[in-house]
Every structure is written in C-alpha cells, then in structure tokens.
C-alpha cells in the first residue's frame, strides 16, 4: 500500500506540473499577443514599411523646412 501511495503522489505532482505548464504557456501566449497587437496599433504603418508623416497642426508648427521637405518627398526625416 505504501508503494501505491508513493506512485499516486508522484502522479499527482507530475500531473499538476504539466497542467501548470500548459496554463502558464497559454497565459504567456495571450499576453504576448495582446502586447504585440497594442504595439502594432500604435505605429502608423508597420506592415508596409512606408513612412507616414504627422500632419497635425501642432506638429507642423514646430517642424523645420528641411524636415517638412523630407516628409513631403516620402522620406523618413533625418533632420529635427
């Protein structure tokens, strides 16, 4: 009977470790996916790789002429 209890306890410990690993991996996968979705939604156009300038009035008022010229040419600005 003592061997049976030992085997039963070992099976319970192993089973809980497997279940815990599956639950942990699932939760980690969900958090990684939602973090990736939040990051993707915040950037203008990550999938196309095309630069999208910020054309709001507040931003435009603080831009230099050189930066605006680069934006108008579709380039990623290299000047402040």
PDB file of N, CA and C in Angstrom:
ATOM      1  N   UNK A   1       0.820  -1.186   0.000  1.00  0.00           N
ATOM      2  CA  UNK A   1       0.000   0.000   0.000  1.00  0.00           C
ATOM      3  C   UNK A   1       0.863   1.247   0.000  1.00  0.00           C
ATOM      4  N   UNK A   2       2.039   1.168   0.616  1.00  0.00           N
ATOM      5  CA  UNK A   2       2.924   2.308   0.683  1.00  0.00           C
ATOM      6  C   UNK A   2       3.436   2.684  -0.712  1.00  0.00           C
ATOM      7  N   UNK A   3       3.754   1.696  -1.557  1.00  0.00           N
ATOM      8  CA  UNK A   3       4.210   1.964  -2.928  1.00  0.00           C
ATOM      9  C   UNK A   3       3.088   2.595  -3.749  1.00  0.00           C
ATOM     10  N   UNK A   4       1.869   2.173  -3.494  1.00  0.00           N
ATOM     11  CA  UNK A   4       0.729   2.725  -4.222  1.00  0.00           C
ATOM     12  C   UNK A   4       0.560   4.214  -3.895  1.00  0.00           C
ATOM     13  N   UNK A   5       0.676   4.567  -2.642  1.00  0.00           N
ATOM     14  CA  UNK A   5       0.567   5.977  -2.245  1.00  0.00           C
ATOM     15  C   UNK A   5       1.703   6.799  -2.848  1.00  0.00           C
ATOM     16  N   UNK A   6       2.891   6.257  -2.872  1.00  0.00           N
ATOM     17  CA  UNK A   6       4.043   6.959  -3.449  1.00  0.00           C
ATOM     18  C   UNK A   6       3.823   7.196  -4.934  1.00  0.00           C
ATOM     19  N   UNK A   7       3.351   6.173  -5.627  1.00  0.00           N
ATOM     20  CA  UNK A   7       3.089   6.309  -7.062  1.00  0.00           C
ATOM     21  C   UNK A   7       1.956   7.297  -7.317  1.00  0.00           C
ATOM     22  N   UNK A   8       0.932   7.248  -6.497  1.00  0.00           N
ATOM     23  CA  UNK A   8      -0.190   8.165  -6.636  1.00  0.00           C
ATOM     24  C   UNK A   8       0.247   9.605  -6.376  1.00  0.00           C
ATOM     25  N   UNK A   9       1.053   9.819  -5.379  1.00  0.00           N
ATOM     26  CA  UNK A   9       1.564  11.153  -5.084  1.00  0.00           C
ATOM     27  C   UNK A   9       2.461  11.656  -6.210  1.00  0.00           C
ATOM     28  N   UNK A  10       3.321  10.810  -6.732  1.00  0.00           N
ATOM     29  CA  UNK A  10       4.194  11.183  -7.846  1.00  0.00           C
ATOM     30  C   UNK A  10       3.371  11.528  -9.093  1.00  0.00           C
ATOM     31  N   UNK A  11       2.317  10.760  -9.346  1.00  0.00           N
ATOM     32  CA  UNK A  11       1.453  11.042 -10.500  1.00  0.00           C
ATOM     33  C   UNK A  11       0.723  12.367 -10.314  1.00  0.00           C
ATOM     34  N   UNK A  12       0.277  12.644  -9.108  1.00  0.00           N
ATOM     35  CA  UNK A  12      -0.414  13.905  -8.834  1.00  0.00           C
ATOM     36  C   UNK A  12       0.526  15.095  -9.005  1.00  0.00           C
ATOM     37  N   UNK A  13       1.750  14.974  -8.524  1.00  0.00           N
ATOM     38  CA  UNK A  13       2.733  16.045  -8.670  1.00  0.00           C
ATOM     39  C   UNK A  13       3.077  16.261 -10.140  1.00  0.00           C
ATOM     40  N   UNK A  14       3.302  15.187 -10.866  1.00  0.00           N
ATOM     41  CA  UNK A  14       3.630  15.287 -12.288  1.00  0.00           C
ATOM     42  C   UNK A  14       2.458  15.885 -13.073  1.00  0.00           C
ATOM     43  N   UNK A  15       1.257  15.456 -12.770  1.00  0.00           N
ATOM     44  CA  UNK A  15       0.078  15.990 -13.449  1.00  0.00           C
ATOM     45  C   UNK A  15      -0.121  17.464 -13.190  1.00  0.00           C
ATOM     46  N   UNK A  16       0.086  17.888 -11.945  1.00  0.00           N
ATOM     47  CA  UNK A  16      -0.084  19.311 -11.629  1.00  0.00           C
ATOM     48  C   UNK A  16       1.002  20.153 -12.300  1.00  0.00           C
ATOM     49  N   UNK A  17       2.197  19.588 -12.449  1.00  0.00           N
ATOM     50  CA  UNK A  17       3.255  20.316 -13.147  1.00  0.00           C
ATOM     51  C   UNK A  17       2.924  20.473 -14.631  1.00  0.00           C
ATOM     52  N   UNK A  18       2.392  19.444 -15.233  1.00  0.00           N
ATOM     53  CA  UNK A  18       2.013  19.504 -16.647  1.00  0.00           C
ATOM     54  C   UNK A  18       0.881  20.513 -16.839  1.00  0.00           C
ATOM     55  N   UNK A  19      -0.140  20.433 -16.014  1.00  0.00           N
ATOM     56  CA  UNK A  19      -1.270  21.360 -16.118  1.00  0.00           C
ATOM     57  C   UNK A  19      -0.806  22.797 -15.869  1.00  0.00           C
ATOM     58  N   UNK A  20       0.043  22.999 -14.887  1.00  0.00           N
ATOM     59  CA  UNK A  20       0.578  24.332 -14.612  1.00  0.00           C
ATOM     60  C   UNK A  20       1.391  24.871 -15.776  1.00  0.00           C
ATOM     61  N   UNK A  21       2.162  24.001 -16.419  1.00  0.00           N
ATOM     62  CA  UNK A  21       2.942  24.419 -17.582  1.00  0.00           C
ATOM     63  C   UNK A  21       2.053  24.823 -18.746  1.00  0.00           C
ATOM     64  N   UNK A  22       0.995  24.067 -18.978  1.00  0.00           N
ATOM     65  CA  UNK A  22       0.067  24.385 -20.071  1.00  0.00           C
ATOM     66  C   UNK A  22      -0.648  25.702 -19.786  1.00  0.00           C
ATOM     67  N   UNK A  23      -1.133  25.877 -18.567  1.00  0.00           N
ATOM     68  CA  UNK A  23      -1.822  27.118 -18.208  1.00  0.00           C
ATOM     69  C   UNK A  23      -0.853  28.302 -18.302  1.00  0.00           C
ATOM     70  N   UNK A  24       0.352  28.146 -17.806  1.00  0.00           N
ATOM     71  CA  UNK A  24       1.336  29.227 -17.878  1.00  0.00           C
ATOM     72  C   UNK A  24       1.701  29.599 -19.311  1.00  0.00           C
ATOM     73  N   UNK A  25       1.885  28.607 -20.158  1.00  0.00           N
ATOM     74  CA  UNK A  25       2.209  28.873 -21.561  1.00  0.00           C
ATOM     75  C   UNK A  25       1.044  29.552 -22.268  1.00  0.00           C
ATOM     76  N   UNK A  26      -0.160  29.146 -21.950  1.00  0.00           N
ATOM     77  CA  UNK A  26      -1.335  29.761 -22.557  1.00  0.00           C
ATOM     78  C   UNK A  26      -1.454  31.220 -22.138  1.00  0.00           C
ATOM     79  N   UNK A  27      -1.299  31.493 -20.861  1.00  0.00           N
ATOM     80  CA  UNK A  27      -1.389  32.876 -20.382  1.00  0.00           C
ATOM     81  C   UNK A  27      -0.263  33.729 -20.944  1.00  0.00           C
ATOM     82  N   UNK A  28       0.921  33.183 -21.052  1.00  0.00           N
ATOM     83  CA  UNK A  28       2.052  33.929 -21.622  1.00  0.00           C
ATOM     84  C   UNK A  28       1.794  34.222 -23.092  1.00  0.00           C
ATOM     85  N   UNK A  29       1.267  33.278 -23.822  1.00  0.00           N
ATOM     86  CA  UNK A  29       0.962  33.476 -25.236  1.00  0.00           C
ATOM     87  C   UNK A  29      -0.091  34.550 -25.431  1.00  0.00           C
ATOM     88  N   UNK A  30      -1.105  34.573 -24.598  1.00  0.00           N
ATOM     89  CA  UNK A  30      -2.162  35.581 -24.706  1.00  0.00           C
ATOM     90  C   UNK A  30      -1.601  36.955 -24.395  1.00  0.00           C
ATOM     91  N   UNK A  31      -0.765  37.071 -23.368  1.00  0.00           N
ATOM     92  CA  UNK A  31      -0.213  38.379 -23.024  1.00  0.00           C
ATOM     93  C   UNK A  31       0.752  38.857 -24.098  1.00  0.00           C
ATOM     94  N   UNK A  32       1.503  37.963 -24.718  1.00  0.00           N
ATOM     95  CA  UNK A  32       2.412  38.347 -25.789  1.00  0.00           C
ATOM     96  C   UNK A  32       1.637  38.801 -27.015  1.00  0.00           C
ATOM     97  N   UNK A  33       0.538  38.130 -27.304  1.00  0.00           N
ATOM     98  CA  UNK A  33      -0.278  38.522 -28.455  1.00  0.00           C
ATOM     99  C   UNK A  33      -0.925  39.874 -28.237  1.00  0.00           C
ATOM    100  N   UNK A  34      -1.459  40.125 -27.045  1.00  0.00           N
ATOM    101  CA  UNK A  34      -2.107  41.403 -26.803  1.00  0.00           C
ATOM    102  C   UNK A  34      -1.078  42.528 -26.758  1.00  0.00           C
ATOM    103  N   UNK A  35       0.133  42.256 -26.282  1.00  0.00           N
ATOM    104  CA  UNK A  35       1.179  43.269 -26.298  1.00  0.00           C
ATOM    105  C   UNK A  35       1.604  43.572 -27.726  1.00  0.00           C
ATOM    106  N   UNK A  36       1.697  42.563 -28.554  1.00  0.00           N
ATOM    107  CA  UNK A  36       2.051  42.775 -29.949  1.00  0.00           C
ATOM    108  C   UNK A  36       0.960  43.540 -30.673  1.00  0.00           C
ATOM    109  N   UNK A  37      -0.289  43.262 -30.367  1.00  0.00           N
ATOM    110  CA  UNK A  37      -1.396  43.971 -31.004  1.00  0.00           C
ATOM    111  C   UNK A  37      -1.400  45.431 -30.590  1.00  0.00           C
ATOM    112  N   UNK A  38      -1.100  45.714 -29.324  1.00  0.00           N
ATOM    113  CA  UNK A  38      -1.063  47.098 -28.869  1.00  0.00           C
ATOM    114  C   UNK A  38       0.085  47.844 -29.527  1.00  0.00           C
ATOM    115  N   UNK A  39       1.224  47.199 -29.682  1.00  0.00           N
ATOM    116  CA  UNK A  39       2.366  47.838 -30.324  1.00  0.00           C
ATOM    117  C   UNK A  39       2.078  48.099 -31.788  1.00  0.00           C
ATOM    118  N   UNK A  40       1.458  47.157 -32.453  1.00  0.00           N
ATOM    119  CA  UNK A  40       1.156  47.310 -33.869  1.00  0.00           C
ATOM    120  C   UNK A  40       0.133  48.414 -34.088  1.00  0.00           C
ATOM    121  N   UNK A  41      -0.846  48.517 -33.229  1.00  0.00           N
ATOM    122  CA  UNK A  41      -1.885  49.525 -33.399  1.00  0.00           C
ATOM    123  C   UNK A  41      -1.331  50.926 -33.182  1.00  0.00           C
ATOM    124  N   UNK A  42      -0.286  51.074 -32.395  1.00  0.00           N
ATOM    125  CA  UNK A  42       0.245  52.395 -32.099  1.00  0.00           C
ATOM    126  C   UNK A  42       1.096  52.947 -33.228  1.00  0.00           C
ATOM    127  N   UNK A  43       1.714  52.111 -34.037  1.00  0.00           N
ATOM    128  CA  UNK A  43       2.583  52.605 -35.092  1.00  0.00           C
ATOM    129  C   UNK A  43       1.773  52.887 -36.357  1.00  0.00           C
ATOM    130  N   UNK A  44       2.184  53.831 -37.174  1.00  0.00           N
ATOM    131  CA  UNK A  44       1.386  54.249 -38.311  1.00  0.00           C
ATOM    132  C   UNK A  44       1.152  53.177 -39.374  1.00  0.00           C
ATOM    133  N   UNK A  45       2.201  52.550 -39.871  1.00  0.00           N
ATOM    134  CA  UNK A  45       2.018  51.513 -40.888  1.00  0.00           C
ATOM    135  C   UNK A  45       3.199  50.556 -40.875  1.00  0.00           C
ATOM    136  N   UNK A  46       3.267  49.677 -39.862  1.00  0.00           N
ATOM    137  CA  UNK A  46       4.426  48.798 -39.739  1.00  0.00           C
ATOM    138  C   UNK A  46       4.514  47.733 -40.815  1.00  0.00           C
ATOM    139  N   UNK A  47       3.389  47.299 -41.358  1.00  0.00           N
ATOM    140  CA  UNK A  47       3.436  46.188 -42.300  1.00  0.00           C
ATOM    141  C   UNK A  47       3.913  46.636 -43.678  1.00  0.00           C
ATOM    142  N   UNK A  48       3.614  47.873 -44.066  1.00  0.00           N
ATOM    143  CA  UNK A  48       4.002  48.327 -45.393  1.00  0.00           C
ATOM    144  C   UNK A  48       5.415  48.885 -45.409  1.00  0.00           C
ATOM    145  N   UNK A  49       5.898  49.377 -44.271  1.00  0.00           N
ATOM    146  CA  UNK A  49       7.222  49.959 -44.220  1.00  0.00           C
ATOM    147  C   UNK A  49       7.260  51.368 -44.805  1.00  0.00           C
ATOM    148  N   UNK A  50       6.118  51.910 -45.179  1.00  0.00           N
ATOM    149  CA  UNK A  50       6.045  53.241 -45.763  1.00  0.00           C
ATOM    150  C   UNK A  50       5.958  54.280 -44.654  1.00  0.00           C
ATOM    151  N   UNK A  51       6.705  55.356 -44.808  1.00  0.00           N
ATOM    152  CA  UNK A  51       6.691  56.420 -43.821  1.00  0.00           C
ATOM    153  C   UNK A  51       5.398  57.215 -43.941  1.00  0.00           C
ATOM    154  N   UNK A  52       4.742  57.438 -42.802  1.00  0.00           N
ATOM    155  CA  UNK A  52       3.524  58.239 -42.766  1.00  0.00           C
ATOM    156  C   UNK A  52       3.806  59.449 -41.885  1.00  0.00           C
ATOM    157  N   UNK A  53       3.885  60.659 -42.469  1.00  0.00           N
ATOM    158  CA  UNK A  53       4.219  61.836 -41.674  1.00  0.00           C
ATOM    159  C   UNK A  53       3.079  62.266 -40.761  1.00  0.00           C
ATOM    160  N   UNK A  54       3.441  62.939 -39.697  1.00  0.00           N
ATOM    161  CA  UNK A  54       2.471  63.502 -38.770  1.00  0.00           C
ATOM    162  C   UNK A  54       2.085  64.877 -39.302  1.00  0.00           C
ATOM    163  N   UNK A  55       0.865  65.031 -39.771  1.00  0.00           N
ATOM    164  CA  UNK A  55       0.434  66.267 -40.398  1.00  0.00           C
ATOM    165  C   UNK A  55      -0.476  67.106 -39.503  1.00  0.00           C
ATOM    166  N   UNK A  56      -0.464  66.862 -38.207  1.00  0.00           N
ATOM    167  CA  UNK A  56      -1.301  67.676 -37.324  1.00  0.00           C
ATOM    168  C   UNK A  56      -0.734  69.092 -37.247  1.00  0.00           C
ATOM    169  N   UNK A  57      -1.607  70.063 -36.996  1.00  0.00           N
ATOM    170  CA  UNK A  57      -1.202  71.470 -36.981  1.00  0.00           C
ATOM    171  C   UNK A  57      -0.162  71.744 -35.898  1.00  0.00           C
ATOM    172  N   UNK A  58      -0.325  71.136 -34.738  1.00  0.00           N
ATOM    173  CA  UNK A  58       0.625  71.361 -33.647  1.00  0.00           C
ATOM    174  C   UNK A  58       2.014  70.849 -34.019  1.00  0.00           C
ATOM    175  N   UNK A  59       2.072  69.716 -34.687  1.00  0.00           N
ATOM    176  CA  UNK A  59       3.356  69.152 -35.091  1.00  0.00           C
ATOM    177  C   UNK A  59       3.984  69.977 -36.213  1.00  0.00           C
ATOM    178  N   UNK A  60       3.177  70.369 -37.168  1.00  0.00           N
ATOM    179  CA  UNK A  60       3.672  71.138 -38.313  1.00  0.00           C
ATOM    180  C   UNK A  60       4.249  72.481 -37.885  1.00  0.00           C
ATOM    181  N   UNK A  61       3.681  73.082 -36.853  1.00  0.00           N
ATOM    182  CA  UNK A  61       4.138  74.398 -36.396  1.00  0.00           C
ATOM    183  C   UNK A  61       5.556  74.344 -35.838  1.00  0.00           C
ATOM    184  N   UNK A  62       5.991  73.196 -35.369  1.00  0.00           N
ATOM    185  CA  UNK A  62       7.311  73.081 -34.751  1.00  0.00           C
ATOM    186  C   UNK A  62       8.337  72.433 -35.664  1.00  0.00           C
ATOM    187  N   UNK A  63       7.977  72.157 -36.907  1.00  0.00           N
ATOM    188  CA  UNK A  63       8.871  71.490 -37.839  1.00  0.00           C
ATOM    189  C   UNK A  63       9.743  72.472 -38.604  1.00  0.00           C
ATOM    190  N   UNK A  64      10.949  72.049 -38.905  1.00  0.00           N
ATOM    191  CA  UNK A  64      11.812  72.873 -39.752  1.00  0.00           C
ATOM    192  C   UNK A  64      11.426  72.661 -41.215  1.00  0.00           C
ATOM    193  N   UNK A  65      11.856  73.595 -42.073  1.00  0.00           N
ATOM    194  CA  UNK A  65      11.551  73.486 -43.504  1.00  0.00           C
ATOM    195  C   UNK A  65      12.230  72.258 -44.113  1.00  0.00           C
ATOM    196  N   UNK A  66      13.435  71.931 -43.636  1.00  0.00           N
ATOM    197  CA  UNK A  66      14.147  70.768 -44.165  1.00  0.00           C
ATOM    198  C   UNK A  66      13.419  69.475 -43.822  1.00  0.00           C
ATOM    199  N   UNK A  67      12.896  69.393 -42.613  1.00  0.00           N
ATOM    200  CA  UNK A  67      12.163  68.199 -42.209  1.00  0.00           C
ATOM    201  C   UNK A  67      10.872  68.069 -43.016  1.00  0.00           C
ATOM    202  N   UNK A  68      10.170  69.178 -43.211  1.00  0.00           N
ATOM    203  CA  UNK A  68       8.931  69.141 -43.988  1.00  0.00           C
ATOM    204  C   UNK A  68       9.206  68.721 -45.430  1.00  0.00           C
ATOM    205  N   UNK A  69      10.313  69.181 -45.980  1.00  0.00           N
ATOM    206  CA  UNK A  69      10.667  68.797 -47.349  1.00  0.00           C
ATOM    207  C   UNK A  69      10.933  67.297 -47.439  1.00  0.00           C
ATOM    208  N   UNK A  70      11.604  66.740 -46.436  1.00  0.00           N
ATOM    209  CA  UNK A  70      11.851  65.297 -46.426  1.00  0.00           C
ATOM    210  C   UNK A  70      10.536  64.531 -46.310  1.00  0.00           C
ATOM    211  N   UNK A  71       9.639  64.996 -45.455  1.00  0.00           N
ATOM    212  CA  UNK A  71       8.351  64.328 -45.298  1.00  0.00           C
ATOM    213  C   UNK A  71       7.550  64.385 -46.597  1.00  0.00           C
ATOM    214  N   UNK A  72       7.555  65.542 -47.239  1.00  0.00           N
ATOM    215  CA  UNK A  72       6.808  65.696 -48.492  1.00  0.00           C
ATOM    216  C   UNK A  72       7.366  64.803 -49.597  1.00  0.00           C
ATOM    217  N   UNK A  73       8.664  64.507 -49.517  1.00  0.00           N
ATOM    218  CA  UNK A  73       9.284  63.628 -50.501  1.00  0.00           C
ATOM    219  C   UNK A  73       9.082  62.147 -50.170  1.00  0.00           C
ATOM    220  N   UNK A  74       8.401  61.860 -49.034  1.00  0.00           N
ATOM    221  CA  UNK A  74       8.139  60.475 -48.646  1.00  0.00           C
ATOM    222  C   UNK A  74       9.317  59.821 -47.951  1.00  0.00           C
ATOM    223  N   UNK A  75      10.263  60.621 -47.484  1.00  0.00           N
ATOM    224  CA  UNK A  75      11.440  60.083 -46.804  1.00  0.00           C
ATOM    225  C   UNK A  75      11.248  60.142 -45.298  1.00  0.00           C
ATOM    226  N   UNK A  76      11.939  59.267 -44.601  1.00  0.00           N
ATOM    227  CA  UNK A  76      11.954  59.331 -43.145  1.00  0.00           C
ATOM    228  C   UNK A  76      12.864  60.504 -42.772  1.00  0.00           C
ATOM    229  N   UNK A  77      12.354  61.472 -42.008  1.00  0.00           N
ATOM    230  CA  UNK A  77      13.151  62.654 -41.689  1.00  0.00           C
ATOM    231  C   UNK A  77      14.428  62.320 -40.918  1.00  0.00           C
ATOM    232  N   UNK A  78      15.514  62.969 -41.318  1.00  0.00           N
ATOM    233  CA  UNK A  78      16.788  62.796 -40.620  1.00  0.00           C
ATOM    234  C   UNK A  78      17.231  64.098 -39.958  1.00  0.00           C
ATOM    235  N   UNK A  79      16.442  65.152 -40.134  1.00  0.00           N
ATOM    236  CA  UNK A  79      16.758  66.446 -39.511  1.00  0.00           C
ATOM    237  C   UNK A  79      15.659  66.785 -38.520  1.00  0.00           C
ATOM    238  N   UNK A  80      15.992  67.542 -37.478  1.00  0.00           N
ATOM    239  CA  UNK A  80      14.966  67.886 -36.479  1.00  0.00           C
ATOM    240  C   UNK A  80      13.932  68.867 -36.969  1.00  0.00           C
TER     241      UNK A  80
END
